[in-house]
Protein backbone atom coordinates (compact mmCIF):
# COMPACT_ATOMS: atom_id res chain seq x y z
CA UNK A 1 69.78 -47.79 -43.96
CA UNK A 2 70.94 -44.82 -46.11
CA UNK A 3 74.60 -43.90 -46.16
CA UNK A 4 75.65 -41.14 -43.74
CA UNK A 5 76.08 -37.88 -45.66
CA UNK A 6 79.13 -35.64 -45.21
CA UNK A 7 79.57 -32.08 -46.50
CA UNK A 8 83.23 -31.12 -47.04
CA UNK A 9 83.88 -27.36 -47.23
CA UNK A 10 87.50 -26.58 -48.20
CA UNK A 11 89.04 -24.24 -50.78
CA UNK A 12 91.89 -26.61 -51.67
CA UNK A 13 90.85 -28.93 -54.51
CA UNK A 14 93.44 -31.57 -53.55
CA UNK A 15 92.08 -31.80 -50.00
CA UNK A 16 88.45 -31.90 -51.18
CA UNK A 17 89.14 -34.67 -53.68
CA UNK A 18 91.28 -36.65 -51.21
CA UNK A 19 88.61 -36.50 -48.50
CA UNK A 20 85.91 -37.42 -51.02
CA UNK A 21 87.85 -40.52 -52.11
CA UNK A 22 88.64 -41.54 -48.52
CA UNK A 23 85.14 -41.07 -47.12
CA UNK A 24 83.40 -42.62 -50.13
CA UNK A 25 85.55 -45.74 -49.72
CA UNK A 26 84.46 -45.86 -46.04
CA UNK A 27 80.77 -45.91 -46.96
CA UNK A 28 79.88 -42.23 -46.64
CA UNK A 29 78.02 -40.10 -49.18
CA UNK A 30 80.09 -36.97 -49.83
CA UNK A 31 79.19 -33.50 -51.11
CA UNK A 32 81.83 -30.82 -51.78
CA UNK A 33 81.95 -27.02 -51.52
CA UNK A 34 84.94 -24.71 -52.02
CA UNK A 35 83.63 -21.61 -50.21
CA UNK A 36 81.67 -20.87 -47.07
CA UNK A 37 78.72 -19.43 -48.99
CA UNK A 38 78.60 -22.49 -51.26
CA UNK A 39 78.58 -24.72 -48.19
CA UNK A 40 75.69 -22.80 -46.61
CA UNK A 41 73.71 -23.04 -49.87
CA UNK A 42 74.17 -26.82 -49.94
CA UNK A 43 73.05 -26.97 -46.32
CA UNK A 44 69.85 -25.13 -47.30
CA UNK A 45 69.21 -27.60 -50.12
CA UNK A 46 69.40 -30.83 -48.10
CA UNK A 47 70.25 -32.19 -44.63
CA UNK A 48 73.67 -33.65 -43.78
CA UNK A 49 74.90 -35.89 -40.98
CA UNK A 50 78.19 -34.00 -40.53
CA UNK A 51 80.22 -31.08 -41.93
CA UNK A 52 84.00 -31.02 -42.35
CA UNK A 53 84.69 -27.29 -42.39
CA UNK A 54 87.99 -25.56 -43.16
CA UNK A 55 88.78 -22.67 -40.80
CA UNK A 56 90.49 -20.54 -43.48
CA UNK A 57 88.18 -20.07 -46.45
CA UNK A 58 88.56 -17.37 -49.13
CA UNK A 59 85.25 -15.69 -48.28
CA UNK A 60 84.52 -16.65 -44.65
CA UNK A 61 86.15 -17.75 -41.43
CA UNK A 62 85.03 -21.25 -40.53
CA UNK A 63 84.64 -20.51 -36.82
CA UNK A 64 82.49 -17.46 -37.59
CA UNK A 65 80.23 -19.65 -39.75
CA UNK A 66 79.40 -21.99 -36.85
CA UNK A 67 76.52 -19.88 -35.42
CA UNK A 68 74.89 -19.73 -38.87
CA UNK A 69 75.18 -23.50 -39.23
CA UNK A 70 73.72 -23.94 -35.75
CA UNK A 71 70.71 -21.79 -36.67
CA UNK A 72 70.01 -24.03 -39.65
CA UNK A 73 70.55 -27.33 -37.78
CA UNK A 74 71.27 -27.06 -34.03
CA UNK A 75 72.32 -30.72 -33.70
CA UNK A 76 74.53 -30.98 -36.80
CA UNK A 77 78.09 -32.11 -35.88
CA UNK A 78 80.83 -29.88 -37.32
CA UNK A 79 84.51 -30.86 -37.37
CA UNK A 80 86.87 -28.00 -38.18
CA UNK A 81 89.95 -28.42 -40.40
CA UNK A 82 92.88 -26.20 -39.45
CA UNK A 83 96.58 -25.95 -40.19
CA UNK A 84 97.27 -24.63 -36.69
CA UNK A 85 95.93 -26.32 -33.60
CA UNK A 86 96.05 -24.11 -30.53
CA UNK A 87 94.27 -23.89 -27.20
CA UNK A 88 92.73 -20.54 -28.15
CA UNK A 89 91.49 -21.90 -31.45
CA UNK A 90 90.02 -24.95 -29.72
CA UNK A 91 88.25 -22.78 -27.15
CA UNK A 92 86.77 -20.61 -29.89
CA UNK A 93 85.67 -23.68 -31.87
CA UNK A 94 83.95 -25.37 -28.94
CA UNK A 95 82.41 -22.11 -27.73
CA UNK A 96 80.77 -21.63 -31.12
CA UNK A 97 79.45 -25.18 -31.25
CA UNK A 98 82.05 -27.27 -33.09
CA UNK A 99 82.04 -31.00 -32.36
CA UNK A 100 85.84 -31.25 -32.69
CA UNK A 101 88.74 -30.15 -34.87
CA UNK A 102 91.58 -31.80 -36.80
CA UNK A 103 94.96 -30.38 -37.77
CA UNK A 104 96.81 -30.80 -41.05
CA UNK A 105 98.32 -33.27 -41.74
CA UNK A 106 96.03 -35.86 -40.16
CA UNK A 107 95.84 -39.61 -39.84
CA UNK A 108 93.14 -40.99 -42.14
CA UNK A 109 92.29 -43.77 -39.68
CA UNK A 110 91.86 -41.29 -36.83
CA UNK A 111 89.80 -38.94 -38.99
CA UNK A 112 87.44 -41.71 -40.10
CA UNK A 113 87.06 -42.86 -36.49
CA UNK A 114 86.35 -39.28 -35.41
CA UNK A 115 83.72 -38.83 -38.11
CA UNK A 116 82.10 -42.21 -37.42
CA UNK A 117 81.87 -41.37 -33.73
CA UNK A 118 80.22 -38.01 -34.40
CA UNK A 119 77.79 -39.45 -36.96
CA UNK A 120 76.80 -42.28 -34.61
CA UNK A 121 76.18 -39.75 -31.84
CA UNK A 122 73.98 -37.73 -34.19
CA UNK A 123 72.08 -40.88 -35.20
CA UNK A 124 71.43 -41.86 -31.58
CA UNK A 125 70.24 -38.36 -30.69
CA UNK A 126 67.91 -38.30 -33.69
CA UNK A 127 66.61 -41.79 -32.88
CA UNK A 128 66.02 -40.69 -29.31
CA UNK A 129 64.00 -37.67 -30.44
CA UNK A 130 61.97 -39.80 -32.86
CA UNK A 131 61.39 -42.46 -30.21
CA UNK A 132 60.25 -39.87 -27.67
CA UNK A 133 57.88 -38.43 -30.27
CA UNK A 134 56.53 -41.89 -31.12
CA UNK A 135 56.14 -42.83 -27.45
CA UNK A 136 54.37 -39.55 -26.78
CA UNK A 137 51.98 -40.12 -29.68
CA UNK A 138 51.30 -43.72 -28.66
CA UNK A 139 51.47 -43.47 -24.88
CA UNK A 140 51.96 -39.80 -23.92
CA UNK A 141 54.90 -40.82 -21.70
CA UNK A 142 57.61 -38.32 -22.74
CA UNK A 143 59.97 -39.15 -19.85
CA UNK A 144 60.20 -42.89 -20.55
CA UNK A 145 62.83 -44.20 -22.97
CA UNK A 146 62.70 -47.69 -24.41
CA UNK A 147 62.07 -49.61 -27.60
CA UNK A 148 62.57 -53.17 -26.33
CA UNK A 149 59.66 -55.59 -26.49
CA UNK A 150 59.50 -55.82 -22.68
CA UNK A 151 59.28 -52.07 -22.23
CA UNK A 152 56.68 -51.62 -24.97
CA UNK A 153 54.58 -54.43 -23.48
CA UNK A 154 54.84 -52.74 -20.07
CA UNK A 155 53.79 -49.37 -21.50
CA UNK A 156 50.78 -51.03 -23.17
CA UNK A 157 49.72 -52.28 -19.72
CA UNK A 158 50.28 -48.84 -18.20
CA UNK A 159 48.04 -47.33 -20.88
CA UNK A 160 45.32 -49.85 -20.05
CA UNK A 161 45.39 -49.48 -16.27
CA UNK A 162 45.94 -45.70 -16.06
CA UNK A 163 42.30 -44.60 -16.63
CA UNK A 164 40.97 -46.89 -13.88
CA UNK A 165 40.96 -46.20 -10.14
CA UNK A 166 42.39 -49.63 -9.30
CA UNK A 167 45.33 -50.07 -6.96
CA UNK A 168 48.54 -51.03 -8.78
CA UNK A 169 51.53 -52.89 -7.38
CA UNK A 170 54.79 -52.20 -9.27
CA UNK A 171 57.57 -54.76 -8.83
CA UNK A 172 61.16 -54.35 -9.92
CA UNK A 173 64.77 -54.18 -8.79
CA UNK A 174 66.18 -50.98 -7.34
CA UNK A 175 66.93 -48.39 -10.01
CA UNK A 176 64.57 -49.75 -12.68
CA UNK A 177 62.31 -46.67 -12.60
CA UNK A 178 59.29 -47.72 -10.54
CA UNK A 179 58.46 -44.14 -9.54
CA UNK A 180 58.69 -43.07 -13.19
CA UNK A 181 56.07 -45.69 -14.08
CA UNK A 182 53.90 -44.56 -11.18
CA UNK A 183 54.08 -40.97 -12.44
CA UNK A 184 53.18 -42.16 -15.95
CA UNK A 185 50.08 -43.93 -14.58
CA UNK A 186 49.04 -40.77 -12.74
CA UNK A 187 49.73 -38.51 -15.75
CA UNK A 188 47.57 -40.69 -18.03
CA UNK A 189 44.68 -40.89 -15.54
CA UNK A 190 41.70 -38.63 -14.90
CA UNK A 191 43.55 -37.47 -11.78
CA UNK A 192 46.43 -35.95 -13.74
CA UNK A 193 45.55 -32.39 -12.72
CA UNK A 194 45.51 -33.34 -9.03
CA UNK A 195 48.37 -34.09 -6.64
CA UNK A 196 50.84 -36.94 -7.10
CA UNK A 197 52.49 -37.55 -3.73
CA UNK A 198 55.39 -40.02 -3.44
CA UNK A 199 56.11 -41.58 -0.04
CA UNK A 200 59.52 -43.22 0.43
CA UNK A 201 58.40 -45.59 3.15
CA UNK A 202 61.89 -46.88 3.86
CA UNK A 203 63.36 -43.44 4.64
CA UNK A 204 60.72 -42.37 7.19
CA UNK A 205 61.03 -43.77 10.74
CA UNK A 206 58.09 -45.99 11.69
CA UNK A 207 56.99 -43.73 14.55
CA UNK A 208 56.80 -40.73 12.20
CA UNK A 209 55.25 -42.44 9.17
CA UNK A 210 51.72 -42.58 10.60
CA UNK A 211 51.82 -38.88 11.47
CA UNK A 212 53.09 -38.12 7.96
CA UNK A 213 50.34 -40.18 6.32
CA UNK A 214 47.31 -39.44 8.46
CA UNK A 215 48.20 -36.14 10.13
CA UNK A 216 47.60 -35.39 13.79
CA UNK A 217 45.55 -33.18 16.06
CA UNK A 218 46.98 -30.65 18.47
CA UNK A 219 48.36 -32.38 21.57
CA UNK A 220 48.47 -35.87 20.00
CA UNK A 221 52.09 -36.08 21.17
CA UNK A 222 54.59 -33.82 22.87
CA UNK A 223 55.69 -31.80 19.84
CA UNK A 224 52.19 -31.60 18.27
CA UNK A 225 51.62 -27.90 19.01
CA UNK A 226 49.08 -27.59 16.19
CA UNK A 227 46.88 -29.83 14.09
CA UNK A 228 48.39 -30.94 10.78
CA UNK A 229 47.00 -32.54 7.65
CA UNK A 230 48.57 -35.78 6.51
CA UNK A 231 49.61 -36.87 3.03
CA UNK A 232 46.34 -38.71 2.43
CA UNK A 233 44.38 -35.49 2.88
CA UNK A 234 46.80 -33.60 0.65
CA UNK A 235 46.45 -36.30 -2.02
CA UNK A 236 42.62 -36.22 -2.01
CA UNK A 237 41.31 -36.65 -5.59
CA UNK A 238 44.88 -37.46 -6.65
CA UNK A 239 47.41 -40.28 -6.32
CA UNK A 240 49.67 -41.41 -3.51
CA UNK A 241 52.65 -43.62 -4.33
CA UNK A 242 54.25 -45.85 -1.71
CA UNK A 243 57.82 -46.74 -2.63
CA UNK A 244 59.42 -49.60 -0.66
CA UNK A 245 56.00 -50.60 0.70
CA UNK A 246 57.63 -53.71 2.19
CA UNK A 247 59.28 -51.60 4.90
CA UNK A 248 56.00 -50.35 6.43
CA UNK A 249 55.45 -51.58 10.00
CA UNK A 250 52.64 -54.07 10.80
CA UNK A 251 50.70 -51.39 12.72
CA UNK A 252 50.77 -48.98 9.76
CA UNK A 253 49.90 -51.84 7.39
CA UNK A 254 46.64 -52.34 9.28
CA UNK A 255 45.74 -48.66 8.94
CA UNK A 256 46.62 -48.65 5.25
CA UNK A 257 44.31 -51.61 4.75
CA UNK A 258 41.45 -49.63 6.31
CA UNK A 259 42.09 -46.62 4.04
CA UNK A 260 42.07 -48.83 0.95
CA UNK A 261 38.89 -50.69 2.01
CA UNK A 262 36.85 -47.89 3.59
CA UNK A 263 38.50 -44.81 2.03
CA UNK A 264 38.55 -43.18 5.44
CA UNK A 265 40.90 -42.71 8.39
CA UNK A 266 41.41 -40.68 11.56
CA UNK A 267 44.24 -38.34 12.39
CA UNK A 268 46.54 -39.36 15.22
CA UNK A 269 44.92 -38.39 18.50
CA UNK A 270 41.66 -37.52 16.75
CA UNK A 271 38.14 -38.95 16.82
CA UNK A 272 36.77 -37.53 13.58
CA UNK A 273 36.60 -39.82 10.53
CA UNK A 274 38.00 -38.21 7.39
CA UNK A 275 36.82 -39.41 3.98
CA UNK A 276 39.25 -39.31 1.02
CA UNK A 277 39.28 -40.35 -2.61
CA UNK A 278 42.88 -41.34 -3.26
CA UNK A 279 44.29 -43.78 -5.76
CA UNK A 280 47.06 -45.89 -4.24
CA UNK A 281 50.09 -47.08 -6.18
CA UNK A 282 52.77 -49.12 -4.43
CA UNK A 283 56.18 -50.47 -5.35
CA UNK A 284 58.61 -52.96 -3.91
CA UNK A 285 62.00 -54.37 -4.82
CA UNK A 286 61.30 -57.35 -2.57
CA UNK A 287 59.01 -60.30 -3.27
CA UNK A 288 55.92 -59.46 -1.21
CA UNK A 289 54.59 -63.00 -1.59
CA UNK A 290 57.66 -64.32 0.19
CA UNK A 291 57.26 -61.70 2.90
CA UNK A 292 53.65 -62.83 3.35
CA UNK A 293 54.79 -66.47 3.69
CA UNK A 294 57.41 -65.37 6.23
CA UNK A 295 54.80 -63.48 8.25
CA UNK A 296 56.43 -60.09 7.61
CA UNK A 297 53.65 -58.59 5.48
CA UNK A 298 49.88 -58.78 5.87
CA UNK A 299 48.30 -61.14 3.38
CA UNK A 300 45.05 -59.15 3.21
CA UNK A 301 46.97 -55.93 2.46
CA UNK A 302 49.01 -57.71 -0.20
CA UNK A 303 45.85 -58.81 -2.01
CA UNK A 304 44.39 -55.31 -1.76
CA UNK A 305 47.53 -53.81 -3.28
CA UNK A 306 47.97 -56.49 -5.93
CA UNK A 307 44.75 -55.78 -7.85
CA UNK A 308 46.88 -55.03 -10.90
CA UNK A 309 50.58 -55.91 -10.93
CA UNK A 310 53.28 -54.53 -13.20
CA UNK A 311 56.82 -55.84 -13.37
CA UNK A 312 59.72 -53.69 -14.57
CA UNK A 313 62.47 -55.61 -16.38
CA UNK A 314 66.03 -55.05 -15.15
CA UNK A 315 68.33 -53.22 -17.55
CA UNK A 316 70.34 -56.37 -18.27
CA UNK A 317 67.17 -57.87 -19.85
CA UNK A 318 66.58 -54.93 -22.20
CA UNK A 319 70.05 -54.05 -23.41
CA UNK A 320 68.76 -52.72 -26.73
CA UNK A 321 67.52 -49.72 -24.72
CA UNK A 322 71.00 -48.90 -23.37
CA UNK A 323 72.24 -46.78 -26.34
CA UNK A 324 69.04 -44.72 -26.27
CA UNK A 325 69.29 -44.19 -22.53
CA UNK A 326 72.96 -43.22 -22.88
CA UNK A 327 72.10 -40.66 -25.57
CA UNK A 328 69.27 -39.29 -23.45
CA UNK A 329 71.42 -38.91 -20.33
CA UNK A 330 74.43 -37.55 -22.24
CA UNK A 331 72.27 -34.87 -23.84
CA UNK A 332 70.71 -33.99 -20.47
CA UNK A 333 74.00 -33.68 -18.59
CA UNK A 334 75.75 -31.82 -21.42
CA UNK A 335 72.99 -29.20 -21.29
CA UNK A 336 73.07 -29.03 -17.49
CA UNK A 337 76.87 -28.57 -17.50
CA UNK A 338 77.01 -26.21 -20.52
CA UNK A 339 79.09 -28.64 -22.57
CA UNK A 340 79.02 -29.40 -26.27
CA UNK A 341 77.37 -32.71 -27.28
CA UNK A 342 79.34 -35.76 -26.10
CA UNK A 343 79.44 -39.26 -27.59
CA UNK A 344 80.96 -42.45 -26.19
CA UNK A 345 83.72 -44.10 -28.20
CA UNK A 346 83.07 -47.62 -29.57
CA UNK A 347 85.31 -49.16 -26.86
CA UNK A 348 83.47 -47.33 -24.10
CA UNK A 349 80.07 -48.17 -25.60
CA UNK A 350 81.02 -51.85 -25.73
CA UNK A 351 81.89 -51.81 -22.03
CA UNK A 352 78.58 -50.10 -21.27
CA UNK A 353 76.68 -52.69 -23.31
CA UNK A 354 78.52 -55.65 -21.77
CA UNK A 355 78.08 -54.58 -18.15
CA UNK A 356 75.20 -56.18 -16.21
CA UNK A 357 74.11 -52.97 -14.41
CA UNK A 358 73.12 -54.32 -10.98
CA UNK A 359 71.96 -50.78 -10.13
CA UNK A 360 69.92 -50.68 -13.35
CA UNK A 361 68.97 -47.38 -15.03
CA UNK A 362 69.97 -45.30 -12.01
CA UNK A 363 73.50 -46.74 -12.11
CA UNK A 364 73.74 -46.12 -15.87
CA UNK A 365 72.56 -42.54 -15.39
CA UNK A 366 75.24 -41.96 -12.75
CA UNK A 367 77.93 -43.46 -15.02
CA UNK A 368 76.98 -41.17 -17.92
CA UNK A 369 76.84 -38.10 -15.67
CA UNK A 370 80.30 -38.93 -14.29
CA UNK A 371 81.75 -39.29 -17.80
CA UNK A 372 80.23 -36.02 -19.02
CA UNK A 373 81.31 -34.00 -15.98
CA UNK A 374 84.90 -35.33 -16.08
CA UNK A 375 85.27 -35.06 -19.87
CA UNK A 376 87.48 -32.46 -21.54
CA UNK A 377 86.61 -33.40 -25.13
CA UNK A 378 83.58 -34.59 -27.08
CA UNK A 379 84.70 -38.23 -27.29
CA UNK A 380 83.92 -40.03 -24.03
CA UNK A 381 86.47 -42.82 -23.68
CA UNK A 382 86.57 -45.88 -21.44
CA UNK A 383 88.84 -44.20 -18.87
CA UNK A 384 85.89 -41.97 -17.86
CA UNK A 385 83.73 -44.95 -16.89
CA UNK A 386 83.40 -46.19 -13.30
CA UNK A 387 85.89 -48.82 -12.21
CA UNK A 388 83.20 -51.51 -11.91
CA UNK A 389 82.36 -51.10 -15.61
CA UNK A 390 85.99 -50.99 -16.76
CA UNK A 391 87.15 -54.03 -14.78
CA UNK A 392 84.27 -56.31 -15.70
CA UNK A 393 86.30 -57.85 -18.54
CA UNK A 394 89.08 -58.71 -16.09
CA UNK A 395 86.68 -60.44 -13.70
CA UNK A 396 84.94 -62.19 -16.61
CA UNK A 397 88.30 -63.41 -17.90
CA UNK A 398 89.25 -64.72 -14.48
CA UNK A 399 85.96 -66.61 -14.26
CA UNK A 400 86.54 -68.19 -17.67
CA UNK A 401 90.09 -69.12 -16.77
CA UNK A 402 89.06 -70.64 -13.45
CA UNK A 403 86.52 -72.86 -15.16
CA UNK A 404 89.13 -74.04 -17.64
CA UNK A 405 92.13 -74.40 -15.35
CA UNK A 406 90.79 -75.12 -11.87
CA UNK A 407 92.24 -78.66 -11.83
CA UNK A 408 95.76 -77.28 -12.40
CA UNK A 409 95.69 -74.64 -9.69
CA UNK A 410 98.25 -74.98 -6.88
CA UNK A 411 96.96 -77.55 -4.42
CA UNK A 412 95.35 -79.83 -6.97
CA UNK A 413 96.95 -83.18 -6.32
CA UNK A 414 97.61 -86.09 -8.62
CA UNK A 415 94.55 -87.78 -7.15
CA UNK A 416 92.36 -85.00 -8.52
CA UNK A 417 91.64 -83.31 -5.17
CA UNK A 418 90.62 -79.66 -5.71
CA UNK A 419 92.68 -76.82 -4.23
CA UNK A 420 91.60 -75.15 -1.01
CA UNK A 421 89.38 -72.06 -1.01
CA UNK A 422 92.32 -69.96 0.19
CA UNK A 423 94.46 -71.11 -2.75
CA UNK A 424 91.65 -70.36 -5.23
CA UNK A 425 91.07 -66.86 -3.85
CA UNK A 426 94.80 -66.13 -3.83
CA UNK A 427 95.08 -67.20 -7.46
CA UNK A 428 92.09 -65.04 -8.43
CA UNK A 429 93.70 -62.05 -6.70
CA UNK A 430 97.01 -62.71 -8.51
CA UNK A 431 95.25 -62.96 -11.86
CA UNK A 432 93.25 -59.75 -11.38
CA UNK A 433 96.32 -57.75 -10.32
CA UNK A 434 98.41 -59.08 -13.22
CA UNK A 435 95.68 -58.26 -15.73
CA UNK A 436 95.39 -54.73 -14.37
CA UNK A 437 99.17 -54.29 -14.53
CA UNK A 438 99.04 -55.44 -18.15
CA UNK A 439 96.35 -52.87 -18.92
CA UNK A 440 98.38 -50.06 -17.32
CA UNK A 441 101.64 -51.11 -19.00
CA UNK A 442 102.90 -52.23 -15.59
CA UNK A 443 102.53 -48.77 -14.09
CA UNK A 444 101.87 -49.61 -10.44
CA UNK A 445 100.78 -46.10 -9.51
CA UNK A 446 98.08 -46.07 -12.20
CA UNK A 447 97.03 -49.61 -11.29
CA UNK A 448 96.64 -48.61 -7.63
CA UNK A 449 94.52 -45.62 -8.65
CA UNK A 450 92.25 -47.84 -10.75
CA UNK A 451 91.90 -50.32 -7.89
CA UNK A 452 91.23 -47.35 -5.56
CA UNK A 453 93.80 -48.59 -3.03
CA UNK A 454 97.00 -46.98 -1.68
CA UNK A 455 100.14 -47.74 -3.70
CA UNK A 456 101.69 -49.31 -0.59
CA UNK A 457 98.80 -51.78 -0.35
CA UNK A 458 99.21 -52.83 -3.97
CA UNK A 459 103.00 -53.20 -3.51
CA UNK A 460 102.47 -55.47 -0.51
CA UNK A 461 100.06 -57.66 -2.45
CA UNK A 462 102.47 -57.86 -5.41
CA UNK A 463 105.27 -59.02 -3.12
CA UNK A 464 103.06 -61.49 -1.23
CA UNK A 465 101.77 -63.03 -4.44
CA UNK A 466 105.23 -63.22 -6.01
CA UNK A 467 104.31 -61.19 -9.10
CA UNK A 468 107.31 -60.25 -11.25
CA UNK A 469 107.04 -56.51 -12.03
CA UNK A 470 110.30 -55.87 -13.90
CA UNK A 471 108.80 -56.74 -17.26
CA UNK A 472 109.67 -54.43 -20.15
CA UNK A 473 107.50 -53.59 -23.12
CA UNK A 474 107.39 -56.44 -25.59
CA UNK A 475 109.11 -58.91 -23.26
CA UNK A 476 107.18 -62.07 -22.41
CA UNK A 477 106.31 -62.74 -18.80
CA UNK A 478 105.82 -65.99 -16.97
CA UNK A 479 102.26 -67.19 -16.57
CA UNK A 480 100.74 -67.16 -13.11
CA UNK A 481 100.76 -70.59 -11.56
CA UNK A 482 97.89 -72.58 -12.94
CA UNK A 483 97.06 -70.06 -15.70
CA UNK A 484 98.63 -69.47 -19.11
CA UNK A 485 99.75 -65.90 -19.66
CA UNK A 486 97.75 -63.57 -21.90
CA UNK A 487 100.31 -64.05 -24.69
CA UNK A 488 99.71 -67.80 -24.69
CA UNK A 489 97.61 -69.30 -27.46
CA UNK A 490 96.04 -71.60 -24.87
CA UNK A 491 94.39 -68.72 -23.00
CA UNK A 492 90.61 -68.78 -23.43
CA UNK A 493 90.47 -64.98 -23.15
CA UNK A 494 93.47 -64.38 -25.39
CA UNK A 495 92.14 -66.10 -28.47
């Protein structure tokens, strides 16, 4: 992989040479310019991954140059160098498209971290664009992001089945993107110019679903004051997608079976048979085979739906796609909220990568949107992530500690008898609260906010569990009963 390239534009030779030495030692390729015009000429000659731009140049104002830089490369990160950091200056910088700014004198470590963060964000955005272009050329699925083997294998199957008229059953956990795959199948089929109609079976009451699907004639029921076409008629020559197909009632299942087999149906209260040509796609987050065995889903309908089956992998099984999804969502929500490009810090990105995402892509999308909306600067730090993501390390540490130290918990007798369930749960609660207090520097108000409980509730738990809270910075604290403290070299999570 080539070295990231940095253009430094500053009229002070000492600063240019110092930055060149620092950044070169950190693995960057550095080009130098002493005026604004010289910097713009270099930008015309070759692309860069980032510009360090002085605000006060002999020929130009750095902030006024930002629109010109944006015209040449809209995604190029620019970090301004200024001797005076003010709110007005920051507003002007961000309004004109700067990634961030630094004030003189600066910390070299912080500057390198700032540059690395911006360059990594640029790399992910570029990789996302290239991946979308490659996926579009190979599959013509512009809205699907993924480079993992499981996703590419799935998209190969989608490409194969899309041109057919066969029924497809899409399996996958909630939030994996089953409707997105259904739309991709429709878009790549000969029916692409016809209607794609999604039906969320689980959100429509059973007594209304049949009317929605098949329509009704005037007088079919009390409120039927006029005849109405159903979704099957509206989807004629197109595609109808049943999400949560497992929730459909047995009576409606029988009618669906007839539509699939005979391609005809009758409106509620009607006697006329209506012929339709509709491709049916269905999805479920439940195991339909188990429902068939339990007598909760018709076996004949299951076999009709399961002509071709696709299975979406959960996000925890394709973690190499997470950075690309994050970049995609961050770019989307920055544009929607009129914010400059945002990038997650390494600490935040690690938490996002380590989390198991039980809600899959939908949960990740919500987490990124939350971080972007709440952010006040371009670096998205861990404190902007949902509590479930931030506290996973605590819970993981507790689990590791329990496995190591369960025999020494209170209640474990000399005969090796294990402690009671109550004692185990109490010790887990003590450990989690103590770890959170450690993370908040023993600020109980902040800890209560992170736990999303009233301060009084946390205080009561601290007293009940006998947690010592008068610890000062740097002072050792006693380990919780049965666990070594985090400063102990015996702690499996402290090594």
